[in-house]
Amino acid sequence: MIHATCTRHRGTPGFANLVVRKLNGQIELDPHVDRGCVILLDETSARVLAKALTDWLG
């Protein structure tokens, strides 16, 4: 679980919990931990995201 901020719902900063897990070879992002909106990334897309985060954060 990663503490994040939901700008759409204007909640308290750091209060939106983001669950990230690997299921059946895909990376699942579950904002708000209620499965209301689940984002699935295949391995290629997850690697692109990992590289971008590494580039941004050093």
Protein backbone atom coordinates (compact mmCIF):
# COMPACT_ATOMS: atom_id res chain seq x y z
CA MET A 1 0.00 0.00 0.00
CA ILE A 2 1.24 3.45 -0.94
CA HIS A 3 -0.14 6.61 0.65
CA ALA A 4 -1.16 9.01 -2.12
CA THR A 5 -3.39 12.02 -2.74
CA CYS A 6 -6.58 11.93 -4.81
CA THR A 7 -6.87 15.28 -6.57
CA ARG A 8 -10.25 14.45 -8.10
CA HIS A 9 -11.98 13.96 -4.76
CA ARG A 10 -9.97 16.71 -3.02
CA GLY A 11 -9.24 14.57 -0.02
CA THR A 12 -6.65 15.07 2.65
CA PRO A 13 -3.11 14.91 1.20
CA GLY A 14 -1.67 11.42 1.66
CA PHE A 15 -5.04 9.94 2.62
CA ALA A 16 -5.87 8.01 -0.57
CA ASN A 17 -4.34 4.56 -0.28
CA LEU A 18 -3.04 2.96 -3.46
CA VAL A 19 -2.69 -0.81 -3.43
CA VAL A 20 -0.23 -2.24 -5.95
CA ARG A 21 0.02 -5.99 -6.48
CA LYS A 22 1.08 -8.49 -9.11
CA LEU A 23 -1.64 -10.84 -10.33
CA ASN A 24 -1.28 -13.36 -13.15
CA GLY A 25 1.70 -11.53 -14.66
CA GLN A 26 0.01 -8.13 -14.57
CA ILE A 27 0.55 -5.22 -12.22
CA GLU A 28 -2.71 -4.06 -10.64
CA LEU A 29 -3.12 -0.52 -9.32
CA ASP A 30 -6.15 -0.15 -7.04
CA PRO A 31 -6.70 3.46 -5.96
CA HIS A 32 -8.93 3.88 -2.91
CA VAL A 33 -8.60 0.13 -2.16
CA ASP A 34 -12.23 -0.49 -3.06
CA ARG A 35 -11.79 -2.10 -6.52
CA GLY A 36 -14.04 0.65 -7.94
CA CYS A 37 -11.38 1.59 -10.50
CA VAL A 38 -8.58 -0.89 -11.12
CA ILE A 39 -5.74 -0.18 -13.55
CA LEU A 40 -3.93 -3.17 -15.05
CA LEU A 41 -0.46 -2.93 -16.59
CA ASP A 42 1.14 -5.74 -18.57
CA GLU A 43 4.84 -6.43 -17.97
CA THR A 44 5.99 -4.18 -20.80
CA SER A 45 3.93 -1.23 -19.57
CA ALA A 46 5.04 -1.82 -15.98
CA ARG A 47 8.69 -1.73 -17.10
CA VAL A 48 8.07 1.57 -18.93
CA LEU A 49 6.55 2.98 -15.74
CA ALA A 50 9.43 1.67 -13.61
CA LYS A 51 11.98 3.26 -15.96
CA ALA A 52 10.14 6.58 -15.95
CA LEU A 53 10.00 6.61 -12.14
CA THR A 54 13.70 5.73 -11.94
CA ASP A 55 14.57 8.53 -14.38
CA TRP A 56 12.45 11.05 -12.49
CA LEU A 57 13.69 10.10 -9.03
CA GLY A 58 17.28 9.37 -9.93
